[in-house]
């Protein structure tokens, strides 16, 4: 009887403490922990929310998530630096095995990190989603009430190994055009001539073209499941094995069918892995996690996330909306994933005109805008307006294609758009990796090669910024033939424990023809890193400078200005070459952080 009375008293005491403590937590405002709280998409402009208001938004609004970021990431370890250096010595044919080992090492690092956190903090492992993709872990808040959510956030904020606690809201939307123009399929010409021809890729459709994606694993993440039988049963894409999460009763959208057809006709010998996207960010990361497990080399994402408006009574703004075009914590996670897993992610820019849809602002993602069927920039194609404005979109491709096996007209129900431009880039990446398998190990080279070898003839009047990118067009129009001709004109560079002016890497640009003058075009790309303790709302980007020397004389240079791309062109005269061929060299300038391992690539092309 005495033990029973004690138990009753303990329960009563806990209840009283909960009643007393929760109001105290609810009045804690985020500026008390401004160094650790990140209010991202869906919460713009709010700087003094209480934990009660935050927990209310999390518990009541679909798509609102809480994630905890730890201070250490795999991409900052000596092991990662060693693996990056080892890539150059991987024997041909062993690329996939090396990538598998790297991804397993990354997963083990994050498994150990989360386990140690759980053991030291005493928090339940059931609170965390176990994807082991980055140093950011999503909390399972679906069955929690406001008080429980507030209590957990409060505890996380006080844990020394926690870098940030982020609260964001995302829901997905397909990248479909709202243009009202109605045109018959005949207006687009044929797949082989007009469509592929607009991107200098007509040869891709020829039977004797040697590089059809063999040995390359391509991932597609789509809002609807992709039915593999819908293609095989119609003798469509007969040489592709489609590994899908499609289940009996699932409906495949025309959007998903067209995206698959474009990639499959660009590279008809690939291995294809498809995942259905749910309605929130966790579903995306779960899809990426499963794609990486299947050893994909490139992932196509022809959709966008928008932000659900939060109704937070008592705040400065009852209706708060995080505008598109912002770099958010969500995109920071994608940047980490691309860098640490040697994977290329291709993302449609969106069809809003202004404001690239999330997660297209991720600095390490290839973001693709759209042109019409004549190669002119489409009016709906999104461009950025914020931090990454100088380098987004990355490039453009045909967004109004004639797709094989399609017979319906393109009209205002979403049959044109950046959704259909992005798969052309994805297919091109597969062809590149088929022709040069080492690109699987050096995906940063894919970025520099694609952006160095674009076409810009249609955009001579478009303003160019200090990074060499054209407004709304990025590096220019995808040029498949040119990039395949210049796959060897590239180098990998890295920088670790940096000092200003340190040499990062270089190569000789050998002229292809004996001309009175020629134009040398150079593009460099390097991986950005996610947030740090001191940087919120922006990626961490190291500044580099690219220089061109001839005979020891500096003839041209360009700096990155806080972005992770630089493109520039320089006229080289025959008389200058008497002193030797141009040397393209990359130097560290400033920025980044101590311990950050910068990995990048430079590529060049002679334009004449």
Foldseek 3Di string as FASTA:
>chain_A
DVVVVVVVVVVVVVVVCLVVVLVVQQQAWCVVLVLAEEEWFQFPPFRTGGLLLLLVLVAPPPFKWKKWAFFDKPLLDPVVVVLLVCLVVQDPPCLLVSLVVLVVVQQVVQVVVVVVVCVVLVDDPQQWDRLSQIRMIIGDCHPPHSSVSSVVVVSSSPDPRTLHMYIHGKWKFFQFAQDFDWDFLVVLPDQLPLACVLQQRNCLQDPPPDQQLAPAEEEEEEQFWDDPCVQCVVVHLVQEDEATPDDPPTDDDPLNVLLCLLLCSSRSNHHYYYYHADTYLVSVSVSVSVSVVVSHAEYEYRIFIAGDWAQRPPTPDRTDGRFAQFAAQSLLSVLSNCVSSLHAYEYEQHQQQEHGGPPQLNQRHQYEFEDESNFHGDNRTYAHDDDQRQAPNQAYHHFQHSGPPDRGIDGSPGSGTSSNGRSNLSSLVSSLCSVPVSCSSVVLLSSFLQLQQADCPNPPPFDHDQQRQGRSGGSYYNHSVRSSVFSPQKDKWKDAPDDAFAWTDKDFDDDPDQDQKWKKKKKKFKRWHGDHSVDHRDTWDFKKKKFKDFLNDTDDMGIDVSGGMHMDMDMGGNVSCVRPTIMITMTGHDTDDHSRMMMMMMGMDIPD
